[in-house]
Amino acid sequence: MKTNIVEYFVKLLDGVPANGMSKVIELEQQILKDTLLHKRVSGGEVASVFKFCEFVKAVSDSDKIAPVGLPTSHIVCYKAVVIRLILAGEFPATALEQFHLTFRTG
């Protein structure tokens, strides 16, 4: 059975309080780097998760990343995470606009 890394990642975040999500995202990015290094997964979905991790860090640092195309299903999942972070006060409301400028259907 093939594991959908994006779905796994978002389900993992669903169980984390909003104020701890940034740290979990950072840790998950490190785990995925190690997993890629040891060739336990392919790069397509991992690259998507990495881009989202970069986005989260950029928002946290009041920075931006270059726009990137992702599958619609990934964008829908990540948008739900961003909205949750905004509603919890962890991200500014402008993060949603930044999300739309960063991620587009590719």
PDB file of N, CA and C in Angstrom:
ATOM      1  N   MET A   1       0.837  -1.189   0.000  1.00  0.00           N
ATOM      2  CA  MET A   1       0.000   0.000   0.000  1.00  0.00           C
ATOM      3  C   MET A   1       0.880   1.250   0.000  1.00  0.00           C
ATOM      4  N   LYS A   2       0.618   2.168  -0.895  1.00  0.00           N
ATOM      5  CA  LYS A   2       1.389   3.396  -1.004  1.00  0.00           C
ATOM      6  C   LYS A   2       0.852   4.440  -0.023  1.00  0.00           C
ATOM      7  N   THR A   3       1.736   5.040   0.719  1.00  0.00           N
ATOM      8  CA  THR A   3       1.348   6.070   1.671  1.00  0.00           C
ATOM      9  C   THR A   3       1.321   7.419   0.970  1.00  0.00           C
ATOM     10  N   ASN A   4       0.240   8.149   1.132  1.00  0.00           N
ATOM     11  CA  ASN A   4       0.144   9.496   0.607  1.00  0.00           C
ATOM     12  C   ASN A   4       0.733  10.420   1.664  1.00  0.00           C
ATOM     13  N   ILE A   5       1.894  10.944   1.388  1.00  0.00           N
ATOM     14  CA  ILE A   5       2.629  11.727   2.370  1.00  0.00           C
ATOM     15  C   ILE A   5       1.893  13.016   2.730  1.00  0.00           C
ATOM     16  N   VAL A   6       1.256  13.638   1.772  1.00  0.00           N
ATOM     17  CA  VAL A   6       0.534  14.878   2.048  1.00  0.00           C
ATOM     18  C   VAL A   6      -0.629  14.598   3.003  1.00  0.00           C
ATOM     19  N   GLU A   7      -1.399  13.545   2.734  1.00  0.00           N
ATOM     20  CA  GLU A   7      -2.520  13.196   3.618  1.00  0.00           C
ATOM     21  C   GLU A   7      -2.016  12.855   5.017  1.00  0.00           C
ATOM     22  N   TYR A   8      -0.936  12.074   5.090  1.00  0.00           N
ATOM     23  CA  TYR A   8      -0.347  11.729   6.391  1.00  0.00           C
ATOM     24  C   TYR A   8       0.048  12.998   7.151  1.00  0.00           C
ATOM     25  N   PHE A   9       0.718  13.898   6.450  1.00  0.00           N
ATOM     26  CA  PHE A   9       1.209  15.141   7.041  1.00  0.00           C
ATOM     27  C   PHE A   9       0.050  15.970   7.607  1.00  0.00           C
ATOM     28  N   VAL A  10      -1.016  16.126   6.826  1.00  0.00           N
ATOM     29  CA  VAL A  10      -2.147  16.940   7.266  1.00  0.00           C
ATOM     30  C   VAL A  10      -2.887  16.255   8.422  1.00  0.00           C
ATOM     31  N   LYS A  11      -3.032  14.930   8.377  1.00  0.00           N
ATOM     32  CA  LYS A  11      -3.669  14.216   9.492  1.00  0.00           C
ATOM     33  C   LYS A  11      -2.840  14.368  10.762  1.00  0.00           C
ATOM     34  N   LEU A  12      -1.528  14.329  10.626  1.00  0.00           N
ATOM     35  CA  LEU A  12      -0.647  14.542  11.773  1.00  0.00           C
ATOM     36  C   LEU A  12      -0.918  15.912  12.390  1.00  0.00           C
ATOM     37  N   LEU A  13      -1.013  16.923  11.548  1.00  0.00           N
ATOM     38  CA  LEU A  13      -1.247  18.291  12.031  1.00  0.00           C
ATOM     39  C   LEU A  13      -2.630  18.451  12.649  1.00  0.00           C
ATOM     40  N   ASP A  14      -3.599  17.677  12.169  1.00  0.00           N
ATOM     41  CA  ASP A  14      -4.952  17.748  12.747  1.00  0.00           C
ATOM     42  C   ASP A  14      -4.951  17.417  14.233  1.00  0.00           C
ATOM     43  N   GLY A  15      -4.012  16.584  14.669  1.00  0.00           N
ATOM     44  CA  GLY A  15      -3.964  16.188  16.072  1.00  0.00           C
ATOM     45  C   GLY A  15      -3.097  17.069  16.945  1.00  0.00           C
ATOM     46  N   VAL A  16      -2.588  18.148  16.381  1.00  0.00           N
ATOM     47  CA  VAL A  16      -1.666  19.034  17.106  1.00  0.00           C
ATOM     48  C   VAL A  16      -2.379  20.355  17.410  1.00  0.00           C
ATOM     49  N   PRO A  17      -2.244  20.858  18.644  1.00  0.00           N
ATOM     50  CA  PRO A  17      -2.805  22.189  18.927  1.00  0.00           C
ATOM     51  C   PRO A  17      -2.170  23.230  17.993  1.00  0.00           C
ATOM     52  N   ALA A  18      -2.953  24.203  17.604  1.00  0.00           N
ATOM     53  CA  ALA A  18      -2.477  25.210  16.645  1.00  0.00           C
ATOM     54  C   ALA A  18      -1.192  25.886  17.099  1.00  0.00           C
ATOM     55  N   ASN A  19      -1.047  26.116  18.407  1.00  0.00           N
ATOM     56  CA  ASN A  19       0.154  26.813  18.873  1.00  0.00           C
ATOM     57  C   ASN A  19       1.406  25.944  18.826  1.00  0.00           C
ATOM     58  N   GLY A  20       1.266  24.667  18.535  1.00  0.00           N
ATOM     59  CA  GLY A  20       2.426  23.789  18.411  1.00  0.00           C
ATOM     60  C   GLY A  20       2.707  23.345  16.987  1.00  0.00           C
ATOM     61  N   MET A  21       1.876  23.786  16.059  1.00  0.00           N
ATOM     62  CA  MET A  21       1.995  23.314  14.680  1.00  0.00           C
ATOM     63  C   MET A  21       3.294  23.731  14.007  1.00  0.00           C
ATOM     64  N   SER A  22       3.750  24.936  14.227  1.00  0.00           N
ATOM     65  CA  SER A  22       4.987  25.388  13.564  1.00  0.00           C
ATOM     66  C   SER A  22       6.159  24.489  13.940  1.00  0.00           C
ATOM     67  N   LYS A  23       6.253  24.119  15.198  1.00  0.00           N
ATOM     68  CA  LYS A  23       7.354  23.251  15.647  1.00  0.00           C
ATOM     69  C   LYS A  23       7.215  21.848  15.046  1.00  0.00           C
ATOM     70  N   VAL A  24       6.002  21.327  15.015  1.00  0.00           N
ATOM     71  CA  VAL A  24       5.778  20.000  14.431  1.00  0.00           C
ATOM     72  C   VAL A  24       6.103  20.021  12.939  1.00  0.00           C
ATOM     73  N   ILE A  25       5.729  21.088  12.259  1.00  0.00           N
ATOM     74  CA  ILE A  25       6.038  21.217  10.832  1.00  0.00           C
ATOM     75  C   ILE A  25       7.549  21.227  10.621  1.00  0.00           C
ATOM     76  N   GLU A  26       8.253  21.960  11.448  1.00  0.00           N
ATOM     77  CA  GLU A  26       9.723  22.007  11.355  1.00  0.00           C
ATOM     78  C   GLU A  26      10.331  20.615  11.586  1.00  0.00           C
ATOM     79  N   LEU A  27       9.850  19.916  12.598  1.00  0.00           N
ATOM     80  CA  LEU A  27      10.365  18.569  12.885  1.00  0.00           C
ATOM     81  C   LEU A  27      10.030  17.582  11.769  1.00  0.00           C
ATOM     82  N   GLU A  28       8.833  17.659  11.247  1.00  0.00           N
ATOM     83  CA  GLU A  28       8.430  16.767  10.159  1.00  0.00           C
ATOM     84  C   GLU A  28       9.272  17.013   8.919  1.00  0.00           C
ATOM     85  N   GLN A  29       9.633  18.258   8.670  1.00  0.00           N
ATOM     86  CA  GLN A  29      10.491  18.571   7.532  1.00  0.00           C
ATOM     87  C   GLN A  29      11.848  17.884   7.698  1.00  0.00           C
ATOM     88  N   GLN A  30      12.384  17.885   8.907  1.00  0.00           N
ATOM     89  CA  GLN A  30      13.665  17.208   9.158  1.00  0.00           C
ATOM     90  C   GLN A  30      13.546  15.696   8.956  1.00  0.00           C
ATOM     91  N   ILE A  31      12.438  15.124   9.415  1.00  0.00           N
ATOM     92  CA  ILE A  31      12.216  13.684   9.234  1.00  0.00           C
ATOM     93  C   ILE A  31      12.124  13.345   7.749  1.00  0.00           C
ATOM     94  N   LEU A  32      11.418  14.170   6.996  1.00  0.00           N
ATOM     95  CA  LEU A  32      11.295  13.915   5.562  1.00  0.00           C
ATOM     96  C   LEU A  32      12.630  14.061   4.841  1.00  0.00           C
ATOM     97  N   LYS A  33      13.456  14.999   5.263  1.00  0.00           N
ATOM     98  CA  LYS A  33      14.793  15.129   4.671  1.00  0.00           C
ATOM     99  C   LYS A  33      15.587  13.850   4.874  1.00  0.00           C
ATOM    100  N   ASP A  34      15.524  13.315   6.083  1.00  0.00           N
ATOM    101  CA  ASP A  34      16.216  12.068   6.387  1.00  0.00           C
ATOM    102  C   ASP A  34      15.634  10.909   5.575  1.00  0.00           C
ATOM    103  N   THR A  35      14.330  10.881   5.459  1.00  0.00           N
ATOM    104  CA  THR A  35      13.664   9.826   4.701  1.00  0.00           C
ATOM    105  C   THR A  35      14.073   9.876   3.233  1.00  0.00           C
ATOM    106  N   LEU A  36      14.144  11.076   2.668  1.00  0.00           N
ATOM    107  CA  LEU A  36      14.593  11.234   1.283  1.00  0.00           C
ATOM    108  C   LEU A  36      16.045  10.826   1.122  1.00  0.00           C
ATOM    109  N   LEU A  37      16.855  11.228   2.065  1.00  0.00           N
ATOM    110  CA  LEU A  37      18.272  10.915   2.032  1.00  0.00           C
ATOM    111  C   LEU A  37      18.507   9.405   1.969  1.00  0.00           C
ATOM    112  N   HIS A  38      17.674   8.671   2.693  1.00  0.00           N
ATOM    113  CA  HIS A  38      17.803   7.215   2.724  1.00  0.00           C
ATOM    114  C   HIS A  38      16.899   6.526   1.701  1.00  0.00           C
ATOM    115  N   LYS A  39      16.345   7.321   0.777  1.00  0.00           N
ATOM    116  CA  LYS A  39      15.559   6.833  -0.355  1.00  0.00           C
ATOM    117  C   LYS A  39      14.390   5.944   0.055  1.00  0.00           C
ATOM    118  N   ARG A  40      13.709   6.330   1.137  1.00  0.00           N
ATOM    119  CA  ARG A  40      12.544   5.564   1.588  1.00  0.00           C
ATOM    120  C   ARG A  40      11.249   6.076   0.965  1.00  0.00           C
ATOM    121  N   VAL A  41      11.300   7.228   0.310  1.00  0.00           N
ATOM    122  CA  VAL A  41      10.138   7.776  -0.396  1.00  0.00           C
ATOM    123  C   VAL A  41      10.617   8.472  -1.662  1.00  0.00           C
ATOM    124  N   SER A  42       9.673   8.680  -2.594  1.00  0.00           N
ATOM    125  CA  SER A  42      10.012   9.432  -3.798  1.00  0.00           C
ATOM    126  C   SER A  42       9.835  10.923  -3.523  1.00  0.00           C
ATOM    127  N   GLY A  43      10.362  11.727  -4.399  1.00  0.00           N
ATOM    128  CA  GLY A  43      10.425  13.157  -4.140  1.00  0.00           C
ATOM    129  C   GLY A  43       9.206  13.995  -4.418  1.00  0.00           C
ATOM    130  N   GLY A  44       8.240  13.548  -5.248  1.00  0.00           N
ATOM    131  CA  GLY A  44       7.127  14.391  -5.665  1.00  0.00           C
ATOM    132  C   GLY A  44       6.297  14.950  -4.525  1.00  0.00           C
ATOM    133  N   GLU A  45       5.744  14.078  -3.707  1.00  0.00           N
ATOM    134  CA  GLU A  45       4.918  14.548  -2.599  1.00  0.00           C
ATOM    135  C   GLU A  45       5.758  15.195  -1.510  1.00  0.00           C
ATOM    136  N   VAL A  46       6.961  14.698  -1.324  1.00  0.00           N
ATOM    137  CA  VAL A  46       7.846  15.281  -0.316  1.00  0.00           C
ATOM    138  C   VAL A  46       8.176  16.728  -0.692  1.00  0.00           C
ATOM    139  N   ALA A  47       8.385  16.979  -1.972  1.00  0.00           N
ATOM    140  CA  ALA A  47       8.663  18.349  -2.430  1.00  0.00           C
ATOM    141  C   ALA A  47       7.487  19.265  -2.119  1.00  0.00           C
ATOM    142  N   SER A  48       6.280  18.757  -2.261  1.00  0.00           N
ATOM    143  CA  SER A  48       5.085  19.539  -1.933  1.00  0.00           C
ATOM    144  C   SER A  48       5.067  19.893  -0.452  1.00  0.00           C
ATOM    145  N   VAL A  49       5.324  18.918   0.401  1.00  0.00           N
ATOM    146  CA  VAL A  49       5.339  19.164   1.847  1.00  0.00           C
ATOM    147  C   VAL A  49       6.456  20.147   2.193  1.00  0.00           C
ATOM    148  N   PHE A  50       7.628  19.990   1.568  1.00  0.00           N
ATOM    149  CA  PHE A  50       8.734  20.925   1.818  1.00  0.00           C
ATOM    150  C   PHE A  50       8.322  22.350   1.468  1.00  0.00           C
ATOM    151  N   LYS A  51       7.649  22.534   0.343  1.00  0.00           N
ATOM    152  CA  LYS A  51       7.221  23.880  -0.055  1.00  0.00           C
ATOM    153  C   LYS A  51       6.256  24.456   0.972  1.00  0.00           C
ATOM    154  N   PHE A  52       5.347  23.613   1.477  1.00  0.00           N
ATOM    155  CA  PHE A  52       4.432  24.113   2.495  1.00  0.00           C
ATOM    156  C   PHE A  52       5.188  24.461   3.769  1.00  0.00           C
ATOM    157  N   CYS A  53       6.152  23.648   4.145  1.00  0.00           N
ATOM    158  CA  CYS A  53       6.972  23.947   5.325  1.00  0.00           C
ATOM    159  C   CYS A  53       7.700  25.280   5.153  1.00  0.00           C
ATOM    160  N   GLU A  54       8.230  25.516   3.953  1.00  0.00           N
ATOM    161  CA  GLU A  54       8.896  26.795   3.668  1.00  0.00           C
ATOM    162  C   GLU A  54       7.904  27.951   3.793  1.00  0.00           C
ATOM    163  N   PHE A  55       6.689  27.732   3.316  1.00  0.00           N
ATOM    164  CA  PHE A  55       5.658  28.762   3.413  1.00  0.00           C
ATOM    165  C   PHE A  55       5.369  29.094   4.873  1.00  0.00           C
ATOM    166  N   VAL A  56       5.201  28.074   5.702  1.00  0.00           N
ATOM    167  CA  VAL A  56       4.915  28.286   7.125  1.00  0.00           C
ATOM    168  C   VAL A  56       6.037  29.085   7.776  1.00  0.00           C
ATOM    169  N   LYS A  57       7.271  28.721   7.474  1.00  0.00           N
ATOM    170  CA  LYS A  57       8.418  29.450   8.035  1.00  0.00           C
ATOM    171  C   LYS A  57       8.423  30.891   7.528  1.00  0.00           C
ATOM    172  N   ALA A  58       8.140  31.069   6.248  1.00  0.00           N
ATOM    173  CA  ALA A  58       8.122  32.418   5.669  1.00  0.00           C
ATOM    174  C   ALA A  58       7.065  33.289   6.348  1.00  0.00           C
ATOM    175  N   VAL A  59       5.878  32.746   6.571  1.00  0.00           N
ATOM    176  CA  VAL A  59       4.829  33.519   7.249  1.00  0.00           C
ATOM    177  C   VAL A  59       5.280  33.858   8.664  1.00  0.00           C
ATOM    178  N   SER A  60       5.853  32.890   9.347  1.00  0.00           N
ATOM    179  CA  SER A  60       6.329  33.110  10.721  1.00  0.00           C
ATOM    180  C   SER A  60       7.406  34.182  10.782  1.00  0.00           C
ATOM    181  N   ASP A  61       8.228  34.249   9.729  1.00  0.00           N
ATOM    182  CA  ASP A  61       9.328  35.219   9.669  1.00  0.00           C
ATOM    183  C   ASP A  61       8.933  36.513   8.940  1.00  0.00           C
ATOM    184  N   SER A  62       7.652  36.671   8.623  1.00  0.00           N
ATOM    185  CA  SER A  62       7.160  37.823   7.845  1.00  0.00           C
ATOM    186  C   SER A  62       7.900  37.945   6.524  1.00  0.00           C
ATOM    187  N   ASP A  63       8.093  36.818   5.873  1.00  0.00           N
ATOM    188  CA  ASP A  63       8.820  36.746   4.613  1.00  0.00           C
ATOM    189  C   ASP A  63       7.894  36.145   3.557  1.00  0.00           C
ATOM    190  N   LYS A  64       8.402  35.960   2.361  1.00  0.00           N
ATOM    191  CA  LYS A  64       7.647  35.349   1.267  1.00  0.00           C
ATOM    192  C   LYS A  64       8.519  34.323   0.571  1.00  0.00           C
ATOM    193  N   ILE A  65       7.867  33.372  -0.129  1.00  0.00           N
ATOM    194  CA  ILE A  65       8.603  32.441  -0.983  1.00  0.00           C
ATOM    195  C   ILE A  65       8.058  32.578  -2.398  1.00  0.00           C
ATOM    196  N   ALA A  66       8.816  32.091  -3.339  1.00  0.00           N
ATOM    197  CA  ALA A  66       8.409  32.171  -4.738  1.00  0.00           C
ATOM    198  C   ALA A  66       7.162  31.320  -4.981  1.00  0.00           C
ATOM    199  N   PRO A  67       6.296  31.765  -5.873  1.00  0.00           N
ATOM    200  CA  PRO A  67       5.097  30.987  -6.198  1.00  0.00           C
ATOM    201  C   PRO A  67       5.470  29.606  -6.742  1.00  0.00           C
ATOM    202  N   VAL A  68       4.610  28.640  -6.480  1.00  0.00           N
ATOM    203  CA  VAL A  68       4.853  27.264  -6.901  1.00  0.00           C
ATOM    204  C   VAL A  68       3.523  26.613  -7.269  1.00  0.00           C
ATOM    205  N   GLY A  69       3.568  25.746  -8.257  1.00  0.00           N
ATOM    206  CA  GLY A  69       2.394  24.995  -8.650  1.00  0.00           C
ATOM    207  C   GLY A  69       2.332  23.670  -7.900  1.00  0.00           C
ATOM    208  N   LEU A  70       1.163  23.341  -7.389  1.00  0.00           N
ATOM    209  CA  LEU A  70       0.945  22.085  -6.675  1.00  0.00           C
ATOM    210  C   LEU A  70      -0.374  21.474  -7.134  1.00  0.00           C
ATOM    211  N   PRO A  71      -0.537  20.176  -6.925  1.00  0.00           N
ATOM    212  CA  PRO A  71      -1.834  19.561  -7.232  1.00  0.00           C
ATOM    213  C   PRO A  71      -2.946  20.196  -6.391  1.00  0.00           C
ATOM    214  N   THR A  72      -4.115  20.290  -6.961  1.00  0.00           N
ATOM    215  CA  THR A  72      -5.250  20.901  -6.273  1.00  0.00           C
ATOM    216  C   THR A  72      -5.513  20.246  -4.926  1.00  0.00           C
ATOM    217  N   SER A  73      -5.409  18.929  -4.855  1.00  0.00           N
ATOM    218  CA  SER A  73      -5.687  18.230  -3.590  1.00  0.00           C
ATOM    219  C   SER A  73      -4.717  18.662  -2.494  1.00  0.00           C
ATOM    220  N   HIS A  74      -3.471  18.941  -2.838  1.00  0.00           N
ATOM    221  CA  HIS A  74      -2.493  19.412  -1.853  1.00  0.00           C
ATOM    222  C   HIS A  74      -2.854  20.813  -1.381  1.00  0.00           C
ATOM    223  N   ILE A  75      -3.224  21.663  -2.330  1.00  0.00           N
ATOM    224  CA  ILE A  75      -3.569  23.043  -1.997  1.00  0.00           C
ATOM    225  C   ILE A  75      -4.761  23.081  -1.042  1.00  0.00           C
ATOM    226  N   VAL A  76      -5.754  22.250  -1.291  1.00  0.00           N
ATOM    227  CA  VAL A  76      -6.934  22.201  -0.428  1.00  0.00           C
ATOM    228  C   VAL A  76      -6.530  21.804   0.993  1.00  0.00           C
ATOM    229  N   CYS A  77      -5.686  20.785   1.112  1.00  0.00           N
ATOM    230  CA  CYS A  77      -5.232  20.324   2.438  1.00  0.00           C
ATOM    231  C   CYS A  77      -4.450  21.411   3.167  1.00  0.00           C
ATOM    232  N   TYR A  78      -3.514  22.018   2.481  1.00  0.00           N
ATOM    233  CA  TYR A  78      -2.673  23.039   3.107  1.00  0.00           C
ATOM    234  C   TYR A  78      -3.483  24.292   3.475  1.00  0.00           C
ATOM    235  N   LYS A  79      -4.443  24.634   2.639  1.00  0.00           N
ATOM    236  CA  LYS A  79      -5.271  25.811   2.922  1.00  0.00           C
ATOM    237  C   LYS A  79      -6.030  25.619   4.233  1.00  0.00           C
ATOM    238  N   ALA A  80      -6.523  24.415   4.472  1.00  0.00           N
ATOM    239  CA  ALA A  80      -7.236  24.141   5.724  1.00  0.00           C
ATOM    240  C   ALA A  80      -6.321  24.346   6.924  1.00  0.00           C
ATOM    241  N   VAL A  81      -5.063  23.975   6.796  1.00  0.00           N
ATOM    242  CA  VAL A  81      -4.093  24.169   7.880  1.00  0.00           C
ATOM    243  C   VAL A  81      -3.867  25.662   8.108  1.00  0.00           C
ATOM    244  N   VAL A  82      -3.699  26.412   7.027  1.00  0.00           N
ATOM    245  CA  VAL A  82      -3.468  27.854   7.136  1.00  0.00           C
ATOM    246  C   VAL A  82      -4.666  28.544   7.792  1.00  0.00           C
ATOM    247  N   ILE A  83      -5.864  28.175   7.384  1.00  0.00           N
ATOM    248  CA  ILE A  83      -7.064  28.772   7.987  1.00  0.00           C
ATOM    249  C   ILE A  83      -7.115  28.451   9.478  1.00  0.00           C
ATOM    250  N   ARG A  84      -6.787  27.236   9.835  1.00  0.00           N
ATOM    251  CA  ARG A  84      -6.765  26.868  11.262  1.00  0.00           C
ATOM    252  C   ARG A  84      -5.767  27.729  12.033  1.00  0.00           C
ATOM    253  N   LEU A  85      -4.598  27.959  11.457  1.00  0.00           N
ATOM    254  CA  LEU A  85      -3.585  28.784  12.109  1.00  0.00           C
ATOM    255  C   LEU A  85      -4.040  30.241  12.228  1.00  0.00           C
ATOM    256  N   ILE A  86      -4.731  30.734  11.229  1.00  0.00           N
ATOM    257  CA  ILE A  86      -5.251  32.108  11.275  1.00  0.00           C
ATOM    258  C   ILE A  86      -6.321  32.222  12.360  1.00  0.00           C
ATOM    259  N   LEU A  87      -7.250  31.287  12.380  1.00  0.00           N
ATOM    260  CA  LEU A  87      -8.334  31.331  13.368  1.00  0.00           C
ATOM    261  C   LEU A  87      -7.819  31.211  14.801  1.00  0.00           C
ATOM    262  N   ALA A  88      -6.699  30.499  14.965  1.00  0.00           N
ATOM    263  CA  ALA A  88      -6.110  30.345  16.299  1.00  0.00           C
ATOM    264  C   ALA A  88      -5.224  31.531  16.678  1.00  0.00           C
ATOM    265  N   GLY A  89      -5.052  32.477  15.748  1.00  0.00           N
ATOM    266  CA  GLY A  89      -4.222  33.642  16.032  1.00  0.00           C
ATOM    267  C   GLY A  89      -2.731  33.385  15.887  1.00  0.00           C
ATOM    268  N   GLU A  90      -2.373  32.252  15.317  1.00  0.00           N
ATOM    269  CA  GLU A  90      -0.958  31.923  15.121  1.00  0.00           C
ATOM    270  C   GLU A  90      -0.385  32.563  13.858  1.00  0.00           C
ATOM    271  N   PHE A  91      -1.258  32.838  12.886  1.00  0.00           N
ATOM    272  CA  PHE A  91      -0.881  33.504  11.642  1.00  0.00           C
ATOM    273  C   PHE A  91      -1.734  34.769  11.510  1.00  0.00           C
ATOM    274  N   PRO A  92      -1.204  35.804  10.866  1.00  0.00           N
ATOM    275  CA  PRO A  92      -2.030  36.984  10.593  1.00  0.00           C
ATOM    276  C   PRO A  92      -3.054  36.643   9.505  1.00  0.00           C
ATOM    277  N   ALA A  93      -4.127  37.402   9.458  1.00  0.00           N
ATOM    278  CA  ALA A  93      -5.163  37.169   8.443  1.00  0.00           C
ATOM    279  C   ALA A  93      -4.609  37.278   7.029  1.00  0.00           C
ATOM    280  N   THR A  94      -3.560  38.068   6.859  1.00  0.00           N
ATOM    281  CA  THR A  94      -2.951  38.242   5.535  1.00  0.00           C
ATOM    282  C   THR A  94      -2.279  36.963   5.025  1.00  0.00           C
ATOM    283  N   ALA A  95      -2.108  35.988   5.897  1.00  0.00           N
ATOM    284  CA  ALA A  95      -1.471  34.730   5.483  1.00  0.00           C
ATOM    285  C   ALA A  95      -2.292  34.005   4.423  1.00  0.00           C
ATOM    286  N   LEU A  96      -3.598  34.161   4.454  1.00  0.00           N
ATOM    287  CA  LEU A  96      -4.437  33.494   3.449  1.00  0.00           C
ATOM    288  C   LEU A  96      -4.200  34.097   2.068  1.00  0.00           C
ATOM    289  N   GLU A  97      -4.100  35.423   2.006  1.00  0.00           N
ATOM    290  CA  GLU A  97      -3.787  36.064   0.725  1.00  0.00           C
ATOM    291  C   GLU A  97      -2.399  35.631   0.253  1.00  0.00           C
ATOM    292  N   GLN A  98      -1.454  35.586   1.172  1.00  0.00           N
ATOM    293  CA  GLN A  98      -0.104  35.137   0.831  1.00  0.00           C
ATOM    294  C   GLN A  98      -0.131  33.689   0.336  1.00  0.00           C
ATOM    295  N   PHE A  99      -0.956  32.868   0.958  1.00  0.00           N
ATOM    296  CA  PHE A  99      -1.106  31.474   0.533  1.00  0.00           C
ATOM    297  C   PHE A  99      -1.565  31.417  -0.922  1.00  0.00           C
ATOM    298  N   HIS A 100      -2.610  32.200  -1.250  1.00  0.00           N
ATOM    299  CA  HIS A 100      -3.142  32.196  -2.613  1.00  0.00           C
ATOM    300  C   HIS A 100      -2.131  32.722  -3.629  1.00  0.00           C
ATOM    301  N   LEU A 101      -1.293  33.650  -3.219  1.00  0.00           N
ATOM    302  CA  LEU A 101      -0.252  34.161  -4.123  1.00  0.00           C
ATOM    303  C   LEU A 101       0.890  33.172  -4.296  1.00  0.00           C
ATOM    304  N   THR A 102       1.104  32.326  -3.296  1.00  0.00           N
ATOM    305  CA  THR A 102       2.223  31.381  -3.312  1.00  0.00           C
ATOM    306  C   THR A 102       1.885  30.081  -4.029  1.00  0.00           C
ATOM    307  N   PHE A 103       0.700  29.534  -3.754  1.00  0.00           N
ATOM    308  CA  PHE A 103       0.343  28.226  -4.293  1.00  0.00           C
ATOM    309  C   PHE A 103      -0.727  28.341  -5.362  1.00  0.00           C
ATOM    310  N   ARG A 104      -0.441  27.733  -6.479  1.00  0.00           N
ATOM    311  CA  ARG A 104      -1.398  27.707  -7.570  1.00  0.00           C
ATOM    312  C   ARG A 104      -1.457  26.284  -8.128  1.00  0.00           C
ATOM    313  N   THR A 105      -2.520  25.972  -8.786  1.00  0.00           N
ATOM    314  CA  THR A 105      -2.666  24.644  -9.366  1.00  0.00           C
ATOM    315  C   THR A 105      -1.607  24.449 -10.443  1.00  0.00           C
ATOM    316  N   GLY A 106      -0.874  23.367 -10.313  1.00  0.00           N
ATOM    317  CA  GLY A 106       0.210  23.129 -11.268  1.00  0.00           C
ATOM    318  C   GLY A 106       0.046  21.841 -11.869  1.00  0.00           C
TER     319      GLY A 106
END
